């Protein structure tokens, strides 16, 4: 139990030393991450559609043989 108490005291001390970002910076960073994630998601979605069409086309050629 003493080890846990020492650990939590250390955590509390470390958190006091952390330089937290201003609210404005945190908001801008969060918005940037959301926008980047949406762009990457849309890009991967378009790639998925393209590869699906290519595979379907190739498989349809095989079926007509």
N, C-alpha and C. Protein backbone atom coordinates (compact mmCIF):
# COMPACT_ATOMS: atom_id res chain seq x y z
N UNK A 1 0.82 -1.18 0.00
CA UNK A 1 0.00 0.00 0.00
C UNK A 1 0.87 1.25 0.00
N UNK A 2 2.00 1.16 0.69
CA UNK A 2 2.92 2.30 0.76
C UNK A 2 3.50 2.62 -0.62
N UNK A 3 3.78 1.59 -1.41
CA UNK A 3 4.32 1.81 -2.76
C UNK A 3 3.30 2.55 -3.63
N UNK A 4 2.04 2.20 -3.49
CA UNK A 4 0.99 2.86 -4.26
C UNK A 4 0.89 4.33 -3.85
N UNK A 5 0.94 4.58 -2.57
CA UNK A 5 0.87 5.96 -2.07
C UNK A 5 2.06 6.78 -2.60
N UNK A 6 3.25 6.19 -2.58
CA UNK A 6 4.44 6.88 -3.09
C UNK A 6 4.30 7.15 -4.59
N UNK A 7 3.78 6.17 -5.29
CA UNK A 7 3.59 6.34 -6.74
C UNK A 7 2.62 7.48 -7.02
N UNK A 8 1.48 7.48 -6.34
CA UNK A 8 0.48 8.53 -6.57
C UNK A 8 1.00 9.91 -6.16
N UNK A 9 1.80 9.97 -5.11
CA UNK A 9 2.41 11.24 -4.71
C UNK A 9 3.37 11.72 -5.80
N UNK A 10 4.14 10.80 -6.36
CA UNK A 10 5.04 11.15 -7.46
C UNK A 10 4.28 11.64 -8.68
N UNK A 11 3.18 10.98 -8.99
CA UNK A 11 2.36 11.40 -10.12
C UNK A 11 1.83 12.81 -9.89
N UNK A 12 1.34 13.08 -8.70
CA UNK A 12 0.81 14.40 -8.36
C UNK A 12 1.90 15.46 -8.49
N UNK A 13 3.11 15.16 -8.00
CA UNK A 13 4.23 16.11 -8.11
C UNK A 13 4.59 16.38 -9.56
N UNK A 14 4.61 15.32 -10.38
CA UNK A 14 4.94 15.50 -11.81
C UNK A 14 3.89 16.34 -12.52
N UNK A 15 2.63 16.12 -12.19
CA UNK A 15 1.56 16.88 -12.84
C UNK A 15 1.62 18.36 -12.49
N UNK A 16 2.18 18.68 -11.33
CA UNK A 16 2.35 20.09 -10.96
C UNK A 16 3.40 20.76 -11.84
N UNK A 17 4.36 19.99 -12.34
CA UNK A 17 5.45 20.54 -13.15
C UNK A 17 5.10 20.65 -14.63
N UNK A 18 4.03 20.02 -15.05
CA UNK A 18 3.64 20.02 -16.45
C UNK A 18 3.23 21.43 -16.86
N UNK A 19 3.70 21.85 -18.04
CA UNK A 19 3.27 23.13 -18.59
C UNK A 19 2.13 22.81 -19.56
N UNK A 20 0.91 23.07 -19.13
CA UNK A 20 -0.27 22.73 -19.93
C UNK A 20 -0.46 23.78 -21.02
N UNK A 21 -0.90 23.37 -22.21
CA UNK A 21 -1.13 24.35 -23.28
C UNK A 21 -2.32 25.24 -22.95
N UNK A 22 -2.29 26.44 -23.54
CA UNK A 22 -3.43 27.33 -23.37
C UNK A 22 -4.64 26.72 -24.06
N UNK A 23 -5.80 27.13 -23.64
CA UNK A 23 -7.06 26.58 -24.18
C UNK A 23 -7.12 26.82 -25.69
N UNK A 24 -6.68 27.99 -26.14
CA UNK A 24 -6.71 28.32 -27.57
C UNK A 24 -5.84 27.37 -28.37
N UNK A 25 -4.65 27.07 -27.88
CA UNK A 25 -3.75 26.15 -28.57
C UNK A 25 -4.34 24.74 -28.60
N UNK A 26 -4.89 24.31 -27.48
CA UNK A 26 -5.49 22.97 -27.42
C UNK A 26 -6.66 22.86 -28.39
N UNK A 27 -7.47 23.91 -28.49
CA UNK A 27 -8.61 23.91 -29.41
C UNK A 27 -8.14 23.84 -30.86
N UNK A 28 -7.13 24.65 -31.20
CA UNK A 28 -6.60 24.63 -32.57
C UNK A 28 -6.01 23.27 -32.92
N UNK A 29 -5.27 22.69 -31.99
CA UNK A 29 -4.67 21.38 -32.23
C UNK A 29 -5.75 20.31 -32.42
N UNK A 30 -6.80 20.37 -31.61
CA UNK A 30 -7.89 19.40 -31.72
C UNK A 30 -8.59 19.53 -33.07
N UNK A 31 -8.86 20.75 -33.49
CA UNK A 31 -9.51 20.98 -34.79
C UNK A 31 -8.61 20.48 -35.92
N UNK A 32 -7.31 20.73 -35.81
CA UNK A 32 -6.37 20.25 -36.84
C UNK A 32 -6.39 18.74 -36.94
N UNK A 33 -6.40 18.06 -35.80
CA UNK A 33 -6.41 16.60 -35.80
C UNK A 33 -7.71 16.07 -36.42
N UNK A 34 -8.83 16.69 -36.09
CA UNK A 34 -10.12 16.26 -36.64
C UNK A 34 -10.15 16.45 -38.14
N UNK A 35 -9.69 17.60 -38.63
CA UNK A 35 -9.68 17.87 -40.07
C UNK A 35 -8.75 16.89 -40.79
N UNK A 36 -7.55 16.68 -40.23
CA UNK A 36 -6.60 15.74 -40.84
C UNK A 36 -7.19 14.34 -40.89
N UNK A 37 -7.85 13.93 -39.81
CA UNK A 37 -8.45 12.59 -39.78
C UNK A 37 -9.55 12.45 -40.82
N UNK A 38 -10.36 13.49 -41.00
CA UNK A 38 -11.40 13.46 -42.02
C UNK A 38 -10.81 13.37 -43.42
N UNK A 39 -9.76 14.15 -43.68
CA UNK A 39 -9.12 14.12 -45.01
C UNK A 39 -8.54 12.74 -45.29
N UNK A 40 -7.84 12.17 -44.33
CA UNK A 40 -7.27 10.83 -44.52
C UNK A 40 -8.38 9.79 -44.68
N UNK A 41 -9.44 9.91 -43.90
CA UNK A 41 -10.56 8.97 -44.01
C UNK A 41 -11.22 9.03 -45.37
N UNK A 42 -11.43 10.24 -45.89
CA UNK A 42 -12.03 10.39 -47.23
C UNK A 42 -11.10 9.84 -48.30
N UNK A 43 -9.80 10.10 -48.16
CA UNK A 43 -8.82 9.58 -49.12
C UNK A 43 -8.86 8.05 -49.14
N UNK A 44 -8.85 7.44 -47.96
CA UNK A 44 -8.88 5.98 -47.90
C UNK A 44 -10.21 5.42 -48.41
N UNK A 45 -11.30 6.14 -48.18
CA UNK A 45 -12.60 5.71 -48.69
C UNK A 45 -12.60 5.71 -50.22
N UNK A 46 -12.03 6.76 -50.82
CA UNK A 46 -11.95 6.84 -52.29
C UNK A 46 -11.07 5.72 -52.82
N UNK A 47 -9.92 5.46 -52.17
CA UNK A 47 -9.07 4.35 -52.59
C UNK A 47 -9.81 3.02 -52.49
N UNK A 48 -10.57 2.83 -51.44
CA UNK A 48 -11.32 1.59 -51.24
C UNK A 48 -12.33 1.40 -52.37
N UNK A 49 -13.04 2.47 -52.72
CA UNK A 49 -14.01 2.39 -53.81
C UNK A 49 -13.31 2.04 -55.12
N UNK A 50 -12.18 2.71 -55.37
CA UNK A 50 -11.43 2.45 -56.61
C UNK A 50 -10.94 1.02 -56.69
N UNK A 51 -10.33 0.53 -55.62
CA UNK A 51 -9.83 -0.85 -55.63
C UNK A 51 -10.97 -1.85 -55.72
N UNK A 52 -12.10 -1.56 -55.11
CA UNK A 52 -13.26 -2.45 -55.21
C UNK A 52 -13.73 -2.55 -56.65
N UNK A 53 -13.79 -1.42 -57.34
CA UNK A 53 -14.21 -1.44 -58.75
C UNK A 53 -13.21 -2.18 -59.62
N UNK A 54 -11.92 -1.98 -59.37
CA UNK A 54 -10.88 -2.68 -60.15
C UNK A 54 -10.97 -4.18 -59.93
N UNK A 55 -11.09 -4.60 -58.68
CA UNK A 55 -11.18 -6.04 -58.39
C UNK A 55 -12.44 -6.63 -58.99
N UNK A 56 -13.55 -5.92 -58.87
CA UNK A 56 -14.81 -6.41 -59.45
C UNK A 56 -14.69 -6.55 -60.96
N UNK A 57 -14.03 -5.59 -61.61
CA UNK A 57 -13.84 -5.66 -63.06
C UNK A 57 -12.98 -6.87 -63.43
N UNK A 58 -11.89 -7.06 -62.69
CA UNK A 58 -11.01 -8.21 -62.98
C UNK A 58 -11.75 -9.52 -62.76
N UNK A 59 -12.52 -9.61 -61.70
CA UNK A 59 -13.26 -10.83 -61.44
C UNK A 59 -14.37 -11.06 -62.47
N UNK A 60 -14.94 -9.99 -63.00
CA UNK A 60 -15.97 -10.16 -64.03
C UNK A 60 -15.35 -10.65 -65.33
N UNK A 61 -14.12 -10.29 -65.60
CA UNK A 61 -13.44 -10.79 -66.80
C UNK A 61 -13.17 -12.29 -66.66
N UNK A 62 -12.83 -12.69 -65.47
CA UNK A 62 -12.56 -14.11 -65.23
C UNK A 62 -13.84 -14.94 -65.40
N UNK A 63 -14.97 -14.39 -65.00
CA UNK A 63 -16.23 -15.11 -65.10
C UNK A 63 -16.71 -15.24 -66.54
N UNK A 64 -16.26 -14.35 -67.42
CA UNK A 64 -16.72 -14.42 -68.81
C UNK A 64 -15.89 -15.36 -69.65
N UNK A 65 -14.83 -15.92 -69.08
CA UNK A 65 -13.99 -16.84 -69.85
C UNK A 65 -14.60 -18.15 -70.00
